[in-house]
N, C-alpha and C. Protein backbone atom coordinates (compact mmCIF):
# COMPACT_ATOMS: atom_id res chain seq x y z
N UNK A 1 -79.28 -138.09 4.36
CA UNK A 1 -80.05 -136.95 3.74
C UNK A 1 -81.32 -137.70 3.19
N UNK A 2 -82.39 -136.97 3.46
CA UNK A 2 -83.63 -137.40 2.84
C UNK A 2 -84.40 -136.34 2.21
N UNK A 3 -84.65 -136.50 0.91
CA UNK A 3 -85.46 -135.58 0.19
C UNK A 3 -86.84 -136.17 -0.06
N UNK A 4 -87.89 -135.37 0.45
CA UNK A 4 -89.22 -135.98 0.51
C UNK A 4 -90.24 -134.98 0.06
N UNK A 5 -91.29 -135.40 -0.56
CA UNK A 5 -92.33 -134.51 -0.88
C UNK A 5 -93.13 -134.08 0.28
N UNK A 6 -92.97 -134.56 1.45
CA UNK A 6 -93.75 -134.11 2.67
C UNK A 6 -95.12 -134.72 2.65
N UNK A 7 -95.43 -135.64 1.76
CA UNK A 7 -96.74 -136.35 1.73
C UNK A 7 -96.79 -137.44 2.58
N UNK A 8 -95.71 -137.72 3.34
CA UNK A 8 -95.59 -138.90 4.09
C UNK A 8 -95.12 -138.42 5.44
N UNK A 9 -95.52 -138.87 6.59
CA UNK A 9 -95.14 -138.37 7.97
C UNK A 9 -93.68 -138.51 8.06
N UNK A 10 -93.09 -137.52 8.71
CA UNK A 10 -91.63 -137.64 8.97
C UNK A 10 -91.36 -138.08 10.40
N UNK A 11 -92.37 -138.55 11.15
CA UNK A 11 -92.35 -138.99 12.47
C UNK A 11 -91.38 -140.28 12.36
N UNK A 12 -90.44 -140.33 13.38
CA UNK A 12 -89.56 -141.58 13.36
C UNK A 12 -88.27 -141.46 12.55
N UNK A 13 -88.17 -140.30 11.82
CA UNK A 13 -86.88 -140.17 11.10
C UNK A 13 -85.78 -139.86 12.04
N UNK A 14 -84.63 -140.57 11.92
CA UNK A 14 -83.56 -140.34 12.88
C UNK A 14 -83.09 -138.86 12.94
N UNK A 15 -82.75 -138.36 14.00
CA UNK A 15 -82.47 -136.96 14.30
C UNK A 15 -81.18 -136.57 13.55
N UNK A 16 -80.29 -137.43 13.10
CA UNK A 16 -79.05 -137.09 12.42
C UNK A 16 -79.33 -136.85 10.85
N UNK A 17 -80.50 -137.28 10.50
CA UNK A 17 -80.87 -137.23 9.05
C UNK A 17 -81.21 -135.77 8.70
N UNK A 18 -80.49 -135.28 7.66
CA UNK A 18 -80.85 -133.87 7.02
C UNK A 18 -81.98 -134.03 6.11
N UNK A 19 -83.10 -133.33 6.32
CA UNK A 19 -84.26 -133.45 5.51
C UNK A 19 -84.39 -132.21 4.64
N UNK A 20 -84.79 -132.51 3.39
CA UNK A 20 -85.16 -131.42 2.41
C UNK A 20 -86.68 -131.82 2.04
N UNK A 21 -87.59 -131.05 2.54
CA UNK A 21 -89.06 -131.31 2.45
C UNK A 21 -89.72 -130.38 1.33
N UNK A 22 -90.25 -131.02 0.28
CA UNK A 22 -90.91 -130.28 -0.72
C UNK A 22 -92.32 -129.98 -0.34
N UNK A 23 -92.77 -128.84 -0.42
CA UNK A 23 -94.15 -128.42 -0.13
C UNK A 23 -94.73 -128.18 -1.47
N UNK A 24 -95.79 -128.99 -1.78
CA UNK A 24 -96.40 -128.88 -3.01
C UNK A 24 -97.34 -127.61 -3.31
N UNK A 25 -97.17 -126.94 -4.27
CA UNK A 25 -97.92 -125.73 -4.58
C UNK A 25 -99.22 -126.02 -5.35
N UNK A 26 -100.12 -125.12 -5.34
CA UNK A 26 -101.44 -125.38 -6.13
C UNK A 26 -101.17 -125.71 -7.52
N UNK A 27 -100.14 -125.16 -8.27
CA UNK A 27 -100.01 -125.43 -9.64
C UNK A 27 -99.42 -126.88 -9.93
N UNK A 28 -98.93 -127.59 -8.87
CA UNK A 28 -98.54 -128.82 -9.03
C UNK A 28 -99.66 -129.89 -9.12
N UNK A 29 -100.81 -129.51 -8.73
CA UNK A 29 -101.98 -130.35 -8.54
C UNK A 29 -101.86 -131.35 -7.35
N UNK A 30 -100.94 -131.22 -6.53
CA UNK A 30 -100.74 -132.05 -5.40
C UNK A 30 -100.67 -131.35 -4.04
N UNK A 31 -101.15 -130.19 -3.97
CA UNK A 31 -101.17 -129.36 -2.75
C UNK A 31 -101.97 -130.14 -1.59
N UNK A 32 -103.05 -130.86 -1.99
CA UNK A 32 -103.80 -131.54 -1.02
C UNK A 32 -102.96 -132.67 -0.32
N UNK A 33 -101.88 -133.01 -0.82
CA UNK A 33 -101.09 -134.00 -0.18
C UNK A 33 -100.06 -133.61 0.89
N UNK A 34 -99.95 -132.22 0.91
CA UNK A 34 -99.06 -131.69 1.95
C UNK A 34 -99.61 -132.03 3.33
N UNK A 35 -98.47 -132.57 4.21
CA UNK A 35 -98.73 -132.77 5.59
C UNK A 35 -98.08 -131.68 6.37
N UNK A 36 -98.85 -130.61 6.74
CA UNK A 36 -98.23 -129.47 7.34
C UNK A 36 -97.65 -129.75 8.73
N UNK A 37 -98.24 -130.77 9.38
CA UNK A 37 -97.69 -131.17 10.72
C UNK A 37 -96.18 -131.60 10.69
N UNK A 38 -95.69 -131.89 9.44
CA UNK A 38 -94.27 -132.29 9.29
C UNK A 38 -93.42 -131.15 9.63
N UNK A 39 -93.75 -129.87 9.46
CA UNK A 39 -92.97 -128.74 9.71
C UNK A 39 -92.48 -128.75 11.18
N UNK A 40 -93.28 -129.19 12.17
CA UNK A 40 -92.91 -129.24 13.52
C UNK A 40 -91.99 -130.40 13.87
N UNK A 41 -91.80 -131.29 12.87
CA UNK A 41 -90.83 -132.36 13.11
C UNK A 41 -89.41 -132.01 12.51
N UNK A 42 -89.33 -130.94 11.65
CA UNK A 42 -88.15 -130.50 11.13
C UNK A 42 -87.16 -129.94 12.08
N UNK A 43 -85.90 -130.03 11.80
CA UNK A 43 -84.85 -129.34 12.69
C UNK A 43 -84.47 -128.06 12.04
N UNK A 44 -83.90 -127.08 12.80
CA UNK A 44 -83.43 -125.83 12.23
C UNK A 44 -82.61 -125.98 11.00
N UNK A 45 -81.90 -127.11 11.01
CA UNK A 45 -80.84 -127.35 9.84
C UNK A 45 -81.39 -127.91 8.68
N UNK A 46 -82.72 -128.33 8.72
CA UNK A 46 -83.42 -128.94 7.52
C UNK A 46 -83.88 -127.82 6.62
N UNK A 47 -84.31 -128.29 5.50
CA UNK A 47 -84.73 -127.38 4.45
C UNK A 47 -86.18 -127.51 3.95
N UNK A 48 -86.80 -126.48 3.45
CA UNK A 48 -88.11 -126.64 2.85
C UNK A 48 -87.96 -126.06 1.39
N UNK A 49 -88.55 -126.80 0.50
CA UNK A 49 -88.53 -126.43 -0.94
C UNK A 49 -89.86 -126.26 -1.44
N UNK A 50 -89.99 -125.18 -2.30
CA UNK A 50 -91.20 -124.98 -3.07
C UNK A 50 -90.86 -124.93 -4.53
N UNK A 51 -91.57 -125.71 -5.40
CA UNK A 51 -91.35 -125.62 -6.85
C UNK A 51 -92.57 -124.88 -7.46
N UNK A 52 -92.26 -123.71 -7.95
CA UNK A 52 -93.39 -122.91 -8.56
C UNK A 52 -93.62 -123.18 -10.08
N UNK A 53 -94.93 -123.11 -10.34
CA UNK A 53 -95.33 -123.35 -11.86
C UNK A 53 -95.78 -121.97 -12.44
N UNK A 54 -95.90 -120.93 -11.58
CA UNK A 54 -96.49 -119.63 -12.04
C UNK A 54 -96.33 -118.62 -10.89
N UNK A 55 -96.73 -117.27 -11.33
CA UNK A 55 -96.57 -116.31 -10.22
C UNK A 55 -97.71 -116.43 -9.20
N UNK A 56 -98.81 -117.08 -9.56
CA UNK A 56 -99.80 -117.38 -8.59
C UNK A 56 -99.28 -118.40 -7.54
N UNK A 57 -98.42 -119.38 -7.99
CA UNK A 57 -97.75 -120.21 -6.96
C UNK A 57 -96.87 -119.36 -6.06
N UNK A 58 -96.16 -118.37 -6.59
CA UNK A 58 -95.33 -117.43 -5.78
C UNK A 58 -96.16 -116.80 -4.75
N UNK A 59 -97.38 -116.27 -5.06
CA UNK A 59 -98.24 -115.56 -4.12
C UNK A 59 -98.67 -116.58 -3.05
N UNK A 60 -98.97 -117.73 -3.45
CA UNK A 60 -99.32 -118.83 -2.41
C UNK A 60 -98.28 -119.13 -1.43
N UNK A 61 -97.14 -119.30 -2.12
CA UNK A 61 -95.87 -119.67 -1.33
C UNK A 61 -95.53 -118.58 -0.42
N UNK A 62 -95.52 -117.32 -0.89
CA UNK A 62 -95.16 -116.21 -0.02
C UNK A 62 -96.01 -116.23 1.25
N UNK A 63 -97.39 -116.28 0.97
CA UNK A 63 -98.31 -116.31 2.07
C UNK A 63 -98.14 -117.42 3.06
N UNK A 64 -97.68 -118.65 2.64
CA UNK A 64 -97.36 -119.77 3.60
C UNK A 64 -96.12 -119.43 4.34
N UNK A 65 -95.09 -118.84 3.63
CA UNK A 65 -93.79 -118.60 4.36
C UNK A 65 -94.02 -117.51 5.41
N UNK A 66 -94.78 -116.53 5.15
CA UNK A 66 -95.06 -115.46 6.19
C UNK A 66 -95.99 -115.96 7.17
N UNK A 67 -97.07 -116.74 6.96
CA UNK A 67 -97.93 -117.19 7.91
C UNK A 67 -97.26 -118.10 8.95
N UNK A 68 -96.36 -118.97 8.49
CA UNK A 68 -95.81 -119.92 9.33
C UNK A 68 -94.35 -119.57 9.68
N UNK A 69 -93.90 -118.37 9.30
CA UNK A 69 -92.55 -117.89 9.58
C UNK A 69 -91.56 -118.97 9.17
N UNK A 70 -91.69 -119.64 7.99
CA UNK A 70 -90.82 -120.63 7.64
C UNK A 70 -89.40 -120.14 7.36
N UNK A 71 -89.31 -118.95 6.88
CA UNK A 71 -87.88 -118.40 6.59
C UNK A 71 -87.15 -118.20 7.87
N UNK A 72 -87.87 -118.06 9.01
CA UNK A 72 -87.17 -117.87 10.32
C UNK A 72 -86.80 -119.22 11.04
N UNK A 73 -87.34 -120.27 10.48
CA UNK A 73 -87.10 -121.57 11.07
C UNK A 73 -86.14 -122.41 10.23
N UNK A 74 -86.15 -122.34 8.91
CA UNK A 74 -85.49 -123.30 8.08
C UNK A 74 -84.96 -122.56 6.99
N UNK A 75 -84.01 -123.07 6.11
CA UNK A 75 -83.51 -122.45 4.90
C UNK A 75 -84.73 -122.88 3.94
N UNK A 76 -85.25 -121.88 3.30
CA UNK A 76 -86.22 -122.10 2.31
C UNK A 76 -85.73 -121.94 0.87
N UNK A 77 -85.89 -123.02 0.11
CA UNK A 77 -85.46 -123.04 -1.25
C UNK A 77 -86.67 -122.76 -2.13
N UNK A 78 -86.52 -122.01 -3.22
CA UNK A 78 -87.46 -121.69 -4.19
C UNK A 78 -86.95 -122.06 -5.63
N UNK A 79 -87.69 -122.91 -6.38
CA UNK A 79 -87.30 -123.35 -7.64
C UNK A 79 -88.51 -123.06 -8.55
N UNK A 80 -88.32 -123.09 -9.82
CA UNK A 80 -89.39 -122.97 -10.87
C UNK A 80 -89.38 -124.16 -11.78
N UNK A 81 -90.42 -124.40 -12.43
CA UNK A 81 -90.42 -125.35 -13.55
C UNK A 81 -89.62 -124.76 -14.63
N UNK A 82 -89.17 -125.49 -15.67
CA UNK A 82 -88.33 -124.87 -16.73
C UNK A 82 -89.05 -123.93 -17.61
N UNK A 83 -90.37 -124.13 -17.86
CA UNK A 83 -91.03 -123.13 -18.75
C UNK A 83 -92.13 -122.46 -17.97
N UNK A 84 -92.50 -121.22 -18.27
CA UNK A 84 -91.82 -120.39 -19.19
C UNK A 84 -90.63 -119.87 -18.79
N UNK A 85 -89.70 -119.47 -19.57
CA UNK A 85 -88.34 -119.02 -19.21
C UNK A 85 -88.32 -117.77 -18.45
N UNK A 86 -89.27 -116.95 -18.58
CA UNK A 86 -89.12 -115.61 -17.85
C UNK A 86 -89.79 -115.92 -16.40
N UNK A 87 -90.33 -116.92 -16.10
CA UNK A 87 -90.82 -117.20 -14.71
C UNK A 87 -89.68 -117.10 -13.74
N UNK A 88 -88.47 -117.68 -14.15
CA UNK A 88 -87.32 -117.52 -13.18
C UNK A 88 -87.01 -116.18 -12.77
N UNK A 89 -86.92 -115.36 -13.79
CA UNK A 89 -86.61 -113.87 -13.53
C UNK A 89 -87.79 -113.27 -12.66
N UNK A 90 -88.97 -113.45 -13.00
CA UNK A 90 -90.04 -112.91 -12.25
C UNK A 90 -90.05 -113.32 -10.86
N UNK A 91 -89.78 -114.56 -10.56
CA UNK A 91 -89.80 -115.17 -9.26
C UNK A 91 -88.59 -114.52 -8.40
N UNK A 92 -87.42 -114.50 -9.10
CA UNK A 92 -86.30 -113.99 -8.47
C UNK A 92 -86.55 -112.52 -8.11
N UNK A 93 -87.05 -111.83 -8.90
CA UNK A 93 -87.42 -110.41 -8.69
C UNK A 93 -88.34 -110.22 -7.46
N UNK A 94 -89.37 -111.21 -7.45
CA UNK A 94 -90.34 -111.15 -6.36
C UNK A 94 -89.64 -111.52 -4.96
N UNK A 95 -88.80 -112.44 -5.14
CA UNK A 95 -88.02 -112.91 -3.94
C UNK A 95 -87.19 -111.72 -3.36
N UNK A 96 -86.47 -111.08 -4.18
CA UNK A 96 -85.68 -109.97 -3.65
C UNK A 96 -86.44 -108.93 -3.17
N UNK A 97 -87.64 -108.63 -3.70
CA UNK A 97 -88.58 -107.64 -3.30
C UNK A 97 -89.19 -107.98 -1.92
N UNK A 98 -89.39 -109.23 -1.68
CA UNK A 98 -89.96 -109.63 -0.34
C UNK A 98 -89.10 -109.33 0.77
N UNK A 99 -87.73 -109.38 0.64
CA UNK A 99 -86.87 -109.12 1.72
C UNK A 99 -86.66 -110.21 2.65
N UNK A 100 -87.24 -111.43 2.29
CA UNK A 100 -87.18 -112.57 3.19
C UNK A 100 -85.89 -113.42 2.90
N UNK A 101 -85.48 -114.22 3.82
CA UNK A 101 -84.21 -115.06 3.73
C UNK A 101 -84.60 -116.31 2.88
N UNK A 102 -84.53 -116.16 1.63
CA UNK A 102 -84.87 -117.26 0.73
C UNK A 102 -83.80 -117.57 -0.27
N UNK A 103 -83.59 -118.79 -0.69
CA UNK A 103 -82.55 -119.06 -1.79
C UNK A 103 -83.20 -119.70 -2.98
N UNK A 104 -82.81 -119.21 -4.10
CA UNK A 104 -83.32 -119.73 -5.40
C UNK A 104 -82.50 -120.90 -5.78
N UNK A 105 -83.09 -121.95 -6.27
CA UNK A 105 -82.53 -123.25 -6.59
C UNK A 105 -82.93 -123.66 -7.99
N UNK A 106 -82.00 -124.02 -8.90
CA UNK A 106 -82.36 -124.60 -10.12
C UNK A 106 -82.53 -126.06 -9.95
N UNK A 107 -83.42 -126.62 -10.78
CA UNK A 107 -83.53 -128.16 -10.83
C UNK A 107 -82.66 -128.69 -11.84
N UNK A 108 -81.52 -128.93 -11.38
CA UNK A 108 -80.47 -129.40 -12.39
C UNK A 108 -80.88 -130.59 -13.23
N UNK A 109 -81.61 -131.47 -12.66
CA UNK A 109 -82.03 -132.68 -13.41
C UNK A 109 -82.96 -132.30 -14.53
N UNK A 110 -83.73 -131.25 -14.42
CA UNK A 110 -84.67 -130.77 -15.44
C UNK A 110 -83.83 -130.10 -16.55
N UNK A 111 -82.79 -129.42 -16.21
CA UNK A 111 -81.94 -128.73 -17.18
C UNK A 111 -81.23 -129.79 -18.04
N UNK A 112 -80.81 -130.81 -17.42
CA UNK A 112 -79.97 -131.91 -18.13
C UNK A 112 -81.00 -132.78 -18.93
N UNK A 113 -82.05 -133.34 -18.21
CA UNK A 113 -82.90 -134.35 -18.96
C UNK A 113 -84.27 -133.86 -19.31
N UNK A 114 -84.65 -132.65 -18.94
CA UNK A 114 -85.95 -132.21 -19.14
C UNK A 114 -86.95 -132.99 -18.35
N UNK A 115 -88.18 -133.25 -18.97
CA UNK A 115 -89.22 -133.86 -18.19
C UNK A 115 -89.22 -135.41 -18.36
N UNK A 116 -88.06 -135.96 -18.49
CA UNK A 116 -87.96 -137.40 -18.60
C UNK A 116 -88.19 -138.10 -17.28
N UNK A 117 -89.26 -138.94 -17.17
CA UNK A 117 -89.58 -139.58 -15.80
C UNK A 117 -88.39 -140.38 -15.38
N UNK A 118 -88.18 -140.32 -14.04
CA UNK A 118 -87.16 -141.15 -13.48
C UNK A 118 -85.70 -140.51 -13.46
N UNK A 119 -85.61 -139.42 -14.09
CA UNK A 119 -84.29 -138.63 -14.28
C UNK A 119 -84.18 -137.50 -13.29
């Protein structure tokens, strides 16, 4: 299993490796690092993850999912940063309203250790 930010090419990764690729949203400040060509290197069994910092990130994410039909190709995971607390509820409501095949995922390491680097 390989969990990657998607900022490095996935070319050459062994076919038996399960990949979880994080696509950076505008709120992360790292959107420019996304290598969208990586999506053609993923297998149907691989996963794409978006970590949202705001509802604006949700709108951006939803547009990317629909444009590229990501939910039809892969399991798409949606997470939020821990704060603000109501962001989780707002995002889940928006996910349900979208009718898309998406899964909400908590970032357990952030619940346990918060924003401690390396944890």
